[in-house]
Amino acid sequence: MIKYKIPNQCPVCNSNDNVIKELECNNCGSIISGNFKSCEFCSLDEDEYNFIIVFIKSHGSIKEVEKKLGISYPTVKNKLGKIIKKLENKESQEEKIRKMKKKILDDLDNGIISPKEAIDLLK
């Protein structure tokens, strides 16, 4: 069976607000359906992901990463900084979405919007 990496963006609207709907166990074939959050590192492209793997296996040693990847100290620091920024932005996007959903539900609870308006906004 071919295994693909989970896409980090919607191919239609480029949103990062994706959920995994189904999990299947390769061992026993059990299938679990629901709304599952993808991992934080799934938003990284292949190069960024591989860099993080090397960084972790190097116990965070920049000198070791330099040797293993054949890149300079500033390049290691630059790549690491970009990845950290990307992961922080992912968190803040998720936080913004949570806050927006909470506001919609609060507005519904306080009678400011109708149930239909809340449903439309949550879509």
N, C-alpha and C. Protein backbone atom coordinates (compact mmCIF):
# COMPACT_ATOMS: atom_id res chain seq x y z
N MET A 1 0.84 -1.17 0.00
CA MET A 1 0.00 0.00 0.00
C MET A 1 0.90 1.25 0.00
N ILE A 2 0.59 2.21 -0.85
CA ILE A 2 1.33 3.46 -0.94
C ILE A 2 0.91 4.36 0.20
N LYS A 3 1.89 4.95 0.87
CA LYS A 3 1.59 5.89 1.96
C LYS A 3 2.02 7.28 1.54
N TYR A 4 1.12 8.22 1.63
CA TYR A 4 1.39 9.60 1.27
C TYR A 4 1.48 10.44 2.52
N LYS A 5 2.24 11.52 2.43
CA LYS A 5 2.33 12.48 3.53
C LYS A 5 1.00 13.24 3.59
N ILE A 6 0.55 13.53 4.78
CA ILE A 6 -0.68 14.30 4.95
C ILE A 6 -0.45 15.69 4.37
N PRO A 7 -1.32 16.16 3.47
CA PRO A 7 -1.13 17.51 2.91
C PRO A 7 -1.27 18.55 4.01
N ASN A 8 -0.42 19.58 3.96
CA ASN A 8 -0.48 20.60 5.00
C ASN A 8 -1.39 21.77 4.62
N GLN A 9 -1.88 21.77 3.37
CA GLN A 9 -2.79 22.83 2.94
C GLN A 9 -3.91 22.23 2.10
N CYS A 10 -5.05 22.87 2.14
CA CYS A 10 -6.16 22.48 1.27
C CYS A 10 -5.78 22.83 -0.16
N PRO A 11 -5.92 21.89 -1.09
CA PRO A 11 -5.56 22.19 -2.48
C PRO A 11 -6.52 23.17 -3.16
N VAL A 12 -7.67 23.42 -2.56
CA VAL A 12 -8.65 24.32 -3.15
C VAL A 12 -8.46 25.76 -2.67
N CYS A 13 -8.42 25.95 -1.32
CA CYS A 13 -8.38 27.31 -0.77
C CYS A 13 -7.07 27.65 -0.06
N ASN A 14 -6.15 26.71 0.03
CA ASN A 14 -4.85 26.88 0.69
C ASN A 14 -4.93 27.06 2.20
N SER A 15 -6.07 26.74 2.80
CA SER A 15 -6.21 26.84 4.25
C SER A 15 -5.38 25.77 4.94
N ASN A 16 -4.89 26.08 6.12
CA ASN A 16 -4.17 25.11 6.95
C ASN A 16 -5.07 24.50 8.01
N ASP A 17 -6.34 24.84 7.97
CA ASP A 17 -7.29 24.37 8.99
C ASP A 17 -7.91 23.05 8.55
N ASN A 18 -7.09 22.00 8.54
CA ASN A 18 -7.54 20.68 8.08
C ASN A 18 -7.68 19.74 9.26
N VAL A 19 -8.57 18.77 9.13
CA VAL A 19 -8.71 17.72 10.13
C VAL A 19 -8.59 16.37 9.44
N ILE A 20 -8.14 15.39 10.19
CA ILE A 20 -8.08 14.02 9.72
C ILE A 20 -9.38 13.36 10.16
N LYS A 21 -10.09 12.75 9.25
CA LYS A 21 -11.41 12.19 9.54
C LYS A 21 -11.38 10.70 9.87
N GLU A 22 -10.34 9.99 9.43
CA GLU A 22 -10.36 8.55 9.62
C GLU A 22 -8.95 8.02 9.85
N LEU A 23 -8.83 7.09 10.79
CA LEU A 23 -7.57 6.41 11.06
C LEU A 23 -7.79 4.91 10.88
N GLU A 24 -6.82 4.25 10.26
CA GLU A 24 -6.94 2.82 10.08
C GLU A 24 -5.67 2.14 10.59
N CYS A 25 -5.84 1.08 11.36
CA CYS A 25 -4.72 0.31 11.89
C CYS A 25 -4.25 -0.67 10.81
N ASN A 26 -2.99 -0.58 10.41
CA ASN A 26 -2.45 -1.51 9.41
C ASN A 26 -2.33 -2.93 9.96
N ASN A 27 -2.26 -3.06 11.28
CA ASN A 27 -2.10 -4.37 11.90
C ASN A 27 -3.40 -5.17 11.92
N CYS A 28 -4.46 -4.55 12.47
CA CYS A 28 -5.71 -5.31 12.63
C CYS A 28 -6.83 -4.86 11.70
N GLY A 29 -6.63 -3.74 11.00
CA GLY A 29 -7.66 -3.26 10.08
C GLY A 29 -8.76 -2.44 10.71
N SER A 30 -8.67 -2.19 12.02
CA SER A 30 -9.69 -1.36 12.67
C SER A 30 -9.69 0.03 12.06
N ILE A 31 -10.88 0.60 11.91
CA ILE A 31 -11.03 1.95 11.38
C ILE A 31 -11.75 2.80 12.42
N ILE A 32 -11.17 3.95 12.71
CA ILE A 32 -11.74 4.88 13.69
C ILE A 32 -12.06 6.16 12.94
N SER A 33 -13.31 6.62 13.05
CA SER A 33 -13.72 7.86 12.39
C SER A 33 -13.92 8.94 13.43
N GLY A 34 -13.62 10.18 13.06
CA GLY A 34 -13.80 11.32 13.95
C GLY A 34 -13.07 12.53 13.40
N ASN A 35 -12.85 13.52 14.24
CA ASN A 35 -12.08 14.70 13.87
C ASN A 35 -10.78 14.68 14.65
N PHE A 36 -9.68 14.36 13.96
CA PHE A 36 -8.39 14.25 14.60
C PHE A 36 -7.48 15.37 14.11
N LYS A 37 -6.78 15.99 15.03
CA LYS A 37 -5.85 17.06 14.69
C LYS A 37 -4.56 16.43 14.16
N SER A 38 -4.01 17.02 13.11
CA SER A 38 -2.73 16.52 12.60
C SER A 38 -1.60 17.05 13.48
N CYS A 39 -0.44 16.47 13.32
CA CYS A 39 0.70 16.87 14.15
C CYS A 39 1.18 18.26 13.77
N GLU A 40 1.83 18.90 14.69
CA GLU A 40 2.33 20.25 14.47
C GLU A 40 3.37 20.29 13.35
N PHE A 41 4.14 19.22 13.22
CA PHE A 41 5.20 19.19 12.23
C PHE A 41 4.70 18.86 10.82
N CYS A 42 3.42 18.50 10.69
CA CYS A 42 2.87 18.18 9.38
C CYS A 42 2.80 19.41 8.47
N SER A 43 2.89 20.60 9.04
CA SER A 43 2.86 21.81 8.22
C SER A 43 4.22 22.09 7.57
N LEU A 44 5.25 21.36 7.99
CA LEU A 44 6.58 21.56 7.42
C LEU A 44 6.70 20.86 6.08
N ASP A 45 7.45 21.49 5.15
CA ASP A 45 7.71 20.79 3.89
C ASP A 45 8.78 19.73 4.13
N GLU A 46 9.07 18.92 3.13
CA GLU A 46 9.98 17.78 3.31
C GLU A 46 11.38 18.21 3.74
N ASP A 47 11.90 19.29 3.16
CA ASP A 47 13.23 19.79 3.51
C ASP A 47 13.27 20.26 4.97
N GLU A 48 12.24 20.99 5.39
CA GLU A 48 12.18 21.48 6.77
C GLU A 48 12.06 20.31 7.75
N TYR A 49 11.22 19.35 7.41
CA TYR A 49 11.02 18.17 8.25
C TYR A 49 12.33 17.40 8.42
N ASN A 50 13.02 17.15 7.30
CA ASN A 50 14.30 16.43 7.36
C ASN A 50 15.34 17.19 8.17
N PHE A 51 15.34 18.52 8.05
CA PHE A 51 16.26 19.35 8.84
C PHE A 51 16.00 19.15 10.33
N ILE A 52 14.73 19.17 10.73
CA ILE A 52 14.37 19.00 12.14
C ILE A 52 14.78 17.62 12.64
N ILE A 53 14.62 16.60 11.82
CA ILE A 53 15.04 15.24 12.21
C ILE A 53 16.55 15.22 12.47
N VAL A 54 17.34 15.81 11.57
CA VAL A 54 18.79 15.88 11.76
C VAL A 54 19.12 16.68 13.02
N PHE A 55 18.43 17.79 13.23
CA PHE A 55 18.66 18.64 14.40
C PHE A 55 18.40 17.87 15.69
N ILE A 56 17.30 17.14 15.73
CA ILE A 56 16.95 16.37 16.93
C ILE A 56 17.95 15.24 17.16
N LYS A 57 18.29 14.51 16.08
CA LYS A 57 19.25 13.41 16.22
C LYS A 57 20.64 13.92 16.60
N SER A 58 20.89 15.20 16.34
CA SER A 58 22.16 15.82 16.71
C SER A 58 22.09 16.44 18.10
N HIS A 59 21.01 16.16 18.82
CA HIS A 59 20.80 16.67 20.18
C HIS A 59 20.85 18.19 20.22
N GLY A 60 20.41 18.84 19.14
CA GLY A 60 20.38 20.30 19.10
C GLY A 60 21.72 20.95 18.88
N SER A 61 22.73 20.16 18.56
CA SER A 61 24.08 20.72 18.34
C SER A 61 24.17 21.30 16.93
N ILE A 62 24.32 22.61 16.86
CA ILE A 62 24.42 23.27 15.57
C ILE A 62 25.67 22.82 14.83
N LYS A 63 26.76 22.64 15.56
CA LYS A 63 28.01 22.16 14.93
C LYS A 63 27.80 20.79 14.29
N GLU A 64 27.06 19.92 14.97
CA GLU A 64 26.78 18.59 14.44
C GLU A 64 25.89 18.67 13.19
N VAL A 65 24.91 19.56 13.22
CA VAL A 65 24.03 19.75 12.06
C VAL A 65 24.85 20.28 10.88
N GLU A 66 25.75 21.21 11.15
CA GLU A 66 26.64 21.74 10.10
C GLU A 66 27.39 20.61 9.41
N LYS A 67 27.95 19.71 10.23
CA LYS A 67 28.74 18.59 9.68
C LYS A 67 27.86 17.64 8.87
N LYS A 68 26.72 17.24 9.46
CA LYS A 68 25.86 16.25 8.81
C LYS A 68 25.25 16.76 7.51
N LEU A 69 24.90 18.05 7.46
CA LEU A 69 24.24 18.59 6.27
C LEU A 69 25.20 19.34 5.35
N GLY A 70 26.42 19.57 5.83
CA GLY A 70 27.40 20.29 5.01
C GLY A 70 27.00 21.73 4.74
N ILE A 71 26.43 22.37 5.76
CA ILE A 71 26.02 23.77 5.63
C ILE A 71 26.66 24.60 6.74
N SER A 72 26.67 25.91 6.55
CA SER A 72 27.34 26.80 7.50
C SER A 72 26.47 27.08 8.73
N TYR A 73 27.13 27.59 9.77
CA TYR A 73 26.44 27.97 11.01
C TYR A 73 25.29 28.95 10.74
N PRO A 74 25.55 30.04 9.97
CA PRO A 74 24.43 30.97 9.70
C PRO A 74 23.27 30.31 8.95
N THR A 75 23.57 29.36 8.07
CA THR A 75 22.51 28.66 7.34
C THR A 75 21.67 27.81 8.29
N VAL A 76 22.34 27.12 9.22
CA VAL A 76 21.62 26.32 10.22
C VAL A 76 20.71 27.23 11.04
N LYS A 77 21.26 28.33 11.54
CA LYS A 77 20.48 29.27 12.36
C LYS A 77 19.30 29.84 11.57
N ASN A 78 19.54 30.17 10.30
CA ASN A 78 18.50 30.74 9.46
C ASN A 78 17.37 29.73 9.23
N LYS A 79 17.73 28.48 8.88
CA LYS A 79 16.72 27.44 8.66
C LYS A 79 15.91 27.20 9.93
N LEU A 80 16.62 27.10 11.05
CA LEU A 80 15.96 26.86 12.32
C LEU A 80 15.00 28.01 12.66
N GLY A 81 15.45 29.24 12.45
CA GLY A 81 14.60 30.41 12.71
C GLY A 81 13.34 30.42 11.86
N LYS A 82 13.48 30.07 10.58
CA LYS A 82 12.32 30.04 9.68
C LYS A 82 11.32 28.96 10.10
N ILE A 83 11.85 27.81 10.52
CA ILE A 83 10.96 26.72 10.94
C ILE A 83 10.23 27.10 12.22
N ILE A 84 10.94 27.69 13.16
CA ILE A 84 10.32 28.13 14.42
C ILE A 84 9.22 29.14 14.13
N LYS A 85 9.51 30.09 13.25
CA LYS A 85 8.52 31.11 12.90
C LYS A 85 7.29 30.46 12.25
N LYS A 86 7.52 29.50 11.37
CA LYS A 86 6.42 28.80 10.70
C LYS A 86 5.55 28.06 11.72
N LEU A 87 6.19 27.38 12.68
CA LEU A 87 5.44 26.65 13.70
C LEU A 87 4.68 27.61 14.62
N GLU A 88 5.27 28.75 14.95
CA GLU A 88 4.58 29.75 15.78
C GLU A 88 3.38 30.32 15.05
N ASN A 89 3.52 30.58 13.75
CA ASN A 89 2.40 31.10 12.96
C ASN A 89 1.28 30.09 12.88
N LYS A 90 1.61 28.81 12.78
CA LYS A 90 0.60 27.75 12.74
C LYS A 90 -0.20 27.77 14.04
N GLU A 91 0.50 27.89 15.16
CA GLU A 91 -0.18 27.94 16.44
C GLU A 91 -1.10 29.15 16.52
N SER A 92 -0.61 30.31 16.08
CA SER A 92 -1.44 31.50 16.20
C SER A 92 -2.63 31.45 15.26
N GLN A 93 -2.50 30.80 14.09
CA GLN A 93 -3.65 30.61 13.21
C GLN A 93 -4.70 29.75 13.90
N GLU A 94 -4.26 28.68 14.53
CA GLU A 94 -5.20 27.80 15.24
C GLU A 94 -5.87 28.55 16.39
N GLU A 95 -5.09 29.37 17.08
CA GLU A 95 -5.64 30.15 18.19
C GLU A 95 -6.68 31.15 17.68
N LYS A 96 -6.40 31.79 16.55
CA LYS A 96 -7.35 32.75 15.97
C LYS A 96 -8.65 32.04 15.61
N ILE A 97 -8.55 30.87 15.03
CA ILE A 97 -9.74 30.10 14.65
C ILE A 97 -10.54 29.72 15.89
N ARG A 98 -9.85 29.27 16.95
CA ARG A 98 -10.54 28.92 18.21
C ARG A 98 -11.28 30.13 18.77
N LYS A 99 -10.61 31.29 18.77
CA LYS A 99 -11.22 32.51 19.30
C LYS A 99 -12.44 32.91 18.47
N MET A 100 -12.32 32.80 17.14
CA MET A 100 -13.42 33.15 16.26
C MET A 100 -14.63 32.24 16.52
N LYS A 101 -14.38 30.94 16.65
CA LYS A 101 -15.46 29.99 16.91
C LYS A 101 -16.11 30.27 18.26
N LYS A 102 -15.29 30.59 19.26
CA LYS A 102 -15.82 30.91 20.59
C LYS A 102 -16.70 32.15 20.54
N LYS A 103 -16.25 33.18 19.80
CA LYS A 103 -17.04 34.41 19.69
C LYS A 103 -18.38 34.12 19.01
N ILE A 104 -18.38 33.31 17.97
CA ILE A 104 -19.62 32.96 17.28
C ILE A 104 -20.57 32.26 18.25
N LEU A 105 -20.05 31.30 19.02
CA LEU A 105 -20.89 30.58 19.97
C LEU A 105 -21.38 31.48 21.10
N ASP A 106 -20.52 32.41 21.56
CA ASP A 106 -20.94 33.37 22.58
C ASP A 106 -22.04 34.28 22.05
N ASP A 107 -21.86 34.75 20.78
CA ASP A 107 -22.88 35.60 20.16
C ASP A 107 -24.21 34.86 20.03
N LEU A 108 -24.12 33.59 19.69
CA LEU A 108 -25.33 32.76 19.59
C LEU A 108 -25.98 32.63 20.97
N ASP A 109 -25.17 32.33 21.98
CA ASP A 109 -25.66 32.16 23.35
C ASP A 109 -26.30 33.44 23.88
N ASN A 110 -25.77 34.59 23.49
CA ASN A 110 -26.28 35.88 23.97
C ASN A 110 -27.40 36.44 23.09
N GLY A 111 -27.81 35.67 22.07
CA GLY A 111 -28.91 36.10 21.21
C GLY A 111 -28.54 37.16 20.19
N ILE A 112 -27.26 37.40 19.99
CA ILE A 112 -26.82 38.42 19.03
C ILE A 112 -26.98 37.93 17.59
N ILE A 113 -26.79 36.63 17.40
CA ILE A 113 -26.98 36.03 16.08
C ILE A 113 -27.91 34.82 16.21
N SER A 114 -28.52 34.46 15.08
CA SER A 114 -29.45 33.32 15.07
C SER A 114 -28.66 32.02 14.89
N PRO A 115 -29.30 30.88 15.20
CA PRO A 115 -28.63 29.60 14.96
C PRO A 115 -28.19 29.42 13.50
N LYS A 116 -29.03 29.89 12.56
CA LYS A 116 -28.68 29.77 11.15
C LYS A 116 -27.43 30.61 10.83
N GLU A 117 -27.38 31.83 11.37
CA GLU A 117 -26.21 32.68 11.15
C GLU A 117 -24.95 32.04 11.75
N ALA A 118 -25.09 31.44 12.92
CA ALA A 118 -23.95 30.77 13.55
C ALA A 118 -23.46 29.62 12.69
N ILE A 119 -24.38 28.83 12.16
CA ILE A 119 -24.00 27.70 11.30
C ILE A 119 -23.28 28.20 10.06
N ASP A 120 -23.83 29.25 9.45
CA ASP A 120 -23.20 29.82 8.25
C ASP A 120 -21.80 30.34 8.55
N LEU A 121 -21.65 31.01 9.68
CA LEU A 121 -20.33 31.54 10.06
C LEU A 121 -19.33 30.44 10.37
N LEU A 122 -19.80 29.37 10.99
CA LEU A 122 -18.89 28.26 11.33
C LEU A 122 -18.45 27.46 10.12
N LYS A 123 -19.21 27.56 9.03
CA LYS A 123 -18.81 26.86 7.80
C LYS A 123 -17.63 27.57 7.23
